[in-house]
Amino acid sequence: MPLTALQRTAFESYRTFRESPPTFWRLMAHASRGFAIVFIIFSLGSILLLYLEVSESAGWFYAGLGVGLIWSNIKYFRFTVRIWPVLARVLDWQKIDDLLDGNEVDDSWED
């Protein structure tokens, strides 16, 4: 069963977390580039809307969207750190390793 790019990325992250469990600050550091891009785009958009006097409420609304986007990711990071100890115990690490190595895996539900 070949993995999609998204599945491969997720399993590679899991494998990394297996060796060194995720922390809030590690996840934040990993996402910092994306946060910087979001911050710049939404800041410039808000400033532009406010400066051009298109609509003050539209400018603040746009800024709020950017803050909300970042906040939702922060909440997800906190969730990931809290759920990881349980998730790590139930994952079938052998199957994850086999899939990442390109080996065929019996994907039936019967063990």
Protein backbone atom coordinates (compact mmCIF):
# COMPACT_ATOMS: atom_id res chain seq x y z
CA MET A 1 0.00 0.00 0.00
CA PRO A 2 1.83 3.14 -1.18
CA LEU A 3 1.68 6.19 1.05
CA THR A 4 0.54 9.61 -0.09
CA ALA A 5 2.86 12.55 0.56
CA LEU A 6 0.69 13.67 3.47
CA GLN A 7 0.69 10.19 5.05
CA ARG A 8 4.46 9.90 4.63
CA THR A 9 4.99 13.29 6.28
CA ALA A 10 2.73 12.34 9.20
CA PHE A 11 4.43 8.98 9.75
CA GLU A 12 7.88 10.55 9.53
CA SER A 13 6.83 13.02 12.21
CA TYR A 14 5.53 10.14 14.33
CA ARG A 15 8.83 8.34 13.92
CA THR A 16 10.70 11.47 15.03
CA PHE A 17 8.38 11.86 18.01
CA ARG A 18 8.92 8.21 18.91
CA GLU A 19 12.59 8.94 19.51
CA SER A 20 12.01 12.32 21.13
CA PRO A 21 8.42 13.11 22.21
CA PRO A 22 6.94 16.38 20.97
CA THR A 23 7.09 19.44 23.15
CA PHE A 24 5.09 22.61 22.74
CA TRP A 25 8.21 24.66 21.98
CA ARG A 26 9.58 22.16 19.44
CA LEU A 27 6.27 22.29 17.57
CA MET A 28 6.29 26.09 17.75
CA ALA A 29 9.84 26.23 16.42
CA HIS A 30 8.92 23.89 13.57
CA ALA A 31 5.96 26.11 12.64
CA SER A 32 7.73 29.44 13.14
CA ARG A 33 8.36 30.02 9.43
CA GLY A 34 4.69 29.49 8.63
CA PHE A 35 3.66 31.73 11.52
CA ALA A 36 5.98 34.46 10.25
CA ILE A 37 4.45 34.26 6.77
CA VAL A 38 0.91 34.37 8.18
CA PHE A 39 1.85 37.28 10.43
CA ILE A 40 3.35 39.27 7.56
CA ILE A 41 0.46 38.61 5.16
CA PHE A 42 -2.26 39.43 7.66
CA SER A 43 -0.38 42.41 9.11
CA LEU A 44 0.23 43.96 5.70
CA GLY A 45 -3.36 43.27 4.65
CA SER A 46 -4.73 44.85 7.80
CA ILE A 47 -2.44 47.88 7.54
CA LEU A 48 -3.38 48.30 3.90
CA LEU A 49 -7.10 48.13 4.67
CA LEU A 50 -6.71 50.59 7.54
CA TYR A 51 -4.37 52.94 5.65
CA LEU A 52 -6.53 53.09 2.54
CA GLU A 53 -9.49 53.70 4.81
CA VAL A 54 -11.46 51.02 3.00
CA SER A 55 -13.06 50.01 6.24
CA GLU A 56 -11.65 50.13 9.72
CA SER A 57 -13.73 47.15 10.77
CA ALA A 58 -12.53 45.17 7.72
CA GLY A 59 -8.91 45.87 8.68
CA TRP A 60 -9.42 44.71 12.24
CA PHE A 61 -11.44 41.72 11.05
CA TYR A 62 -8.60 40.69 8.73
CA ALA A 63 -6.11 41.05 11.61
CA GLY A 64 -8.38 38.91 13.77
CA LEU A 65 -8.42 36.19 11.14
CA GLY A 66 -4.62 36.01 11.27
CA VAL A 67 -4.58 35.89 15.06
CA GLY A 68 -7.29 33.21 15.03
CA LEU A 69 -5.33 31.12 12.56
CA ILE A 70 -2.21 31.20 14.71
CA TRP A 71 -4.22 30.60 17.90
CA SER A 72 -5.89 27.50 16.46
CA ASN A 73 -2.46 26.05 15.64
CA ILE A 74 -1.24 26.80 19.15
CA LYS A 75 -4.24 24.94 20.58
CA TYR A 76 -3.50 22.00 18.26
CA PHE A 77 0.13 21.92 19.46
CA ARG A 78 -1.01 21.78 23.09
CA PHE A 79 -3.41 18.96 22.19
CA THR A 80 -0.65 17.02 20.40
CA VAL A 81 1.69 17.24 23.38
CA ARG A 82 -1.03 16.06 25.77
CA ILE A 83 -2.31 13.17 23.62
CA TRP A 84 1.09 11.89 22.44
CA PRO A 85 1.89 9.59 25.41
CA VAL A 86 -1.30 7.61 24.80
CA LEU A 87 -1.07 7.70 21.02
CA ALA A 88 2.52 6.44 21.08
CA ARG A 89 1.41 3.36 23.04
CA VAL A 90 -1.31 2.32 20.59
CA LEU A 91 0.44 2.96 17.28
CA ASP A 92 1.73 -0.13 15.48
CA TRP A 93 5.33 1.00 15.08
CA GLN A 94 6.33 -2.02 13.03
CA LYS A 95 3.67 -1.25 10.41
CA ILE A 96 4.65 2.43 10.35
CA ASP A 97 8.31 1.47 9.82
CA ASP A 98 7.36 -1.02 7.10
CA LEU A 99 5.22 1.54 5.28
CA LEU A 100 7.95 4.18 5.42
CA ASP A 101 10.50 1.66 4.16
CA GLY A 102 8.22 0.83 1.22
CA ASN A 103 7.42 -2.69 2.39
CA GLU A 104 4.06 -4.28 1.79
CA VAL A 105 1.87 -4.40 4.87
CA ASP A 106 -1.06 -6.66 5.57
CA ASP A 107 -3.76 -4.02 5.88
CA SER A 108 -6.52 -6.38 6.96
CA TRP A 109 -8.20 -5.68 10.28
CA GLU A 110 -7.67 -9.21 11.51
CA ASP A 111 -4.56 -9.98 13.51
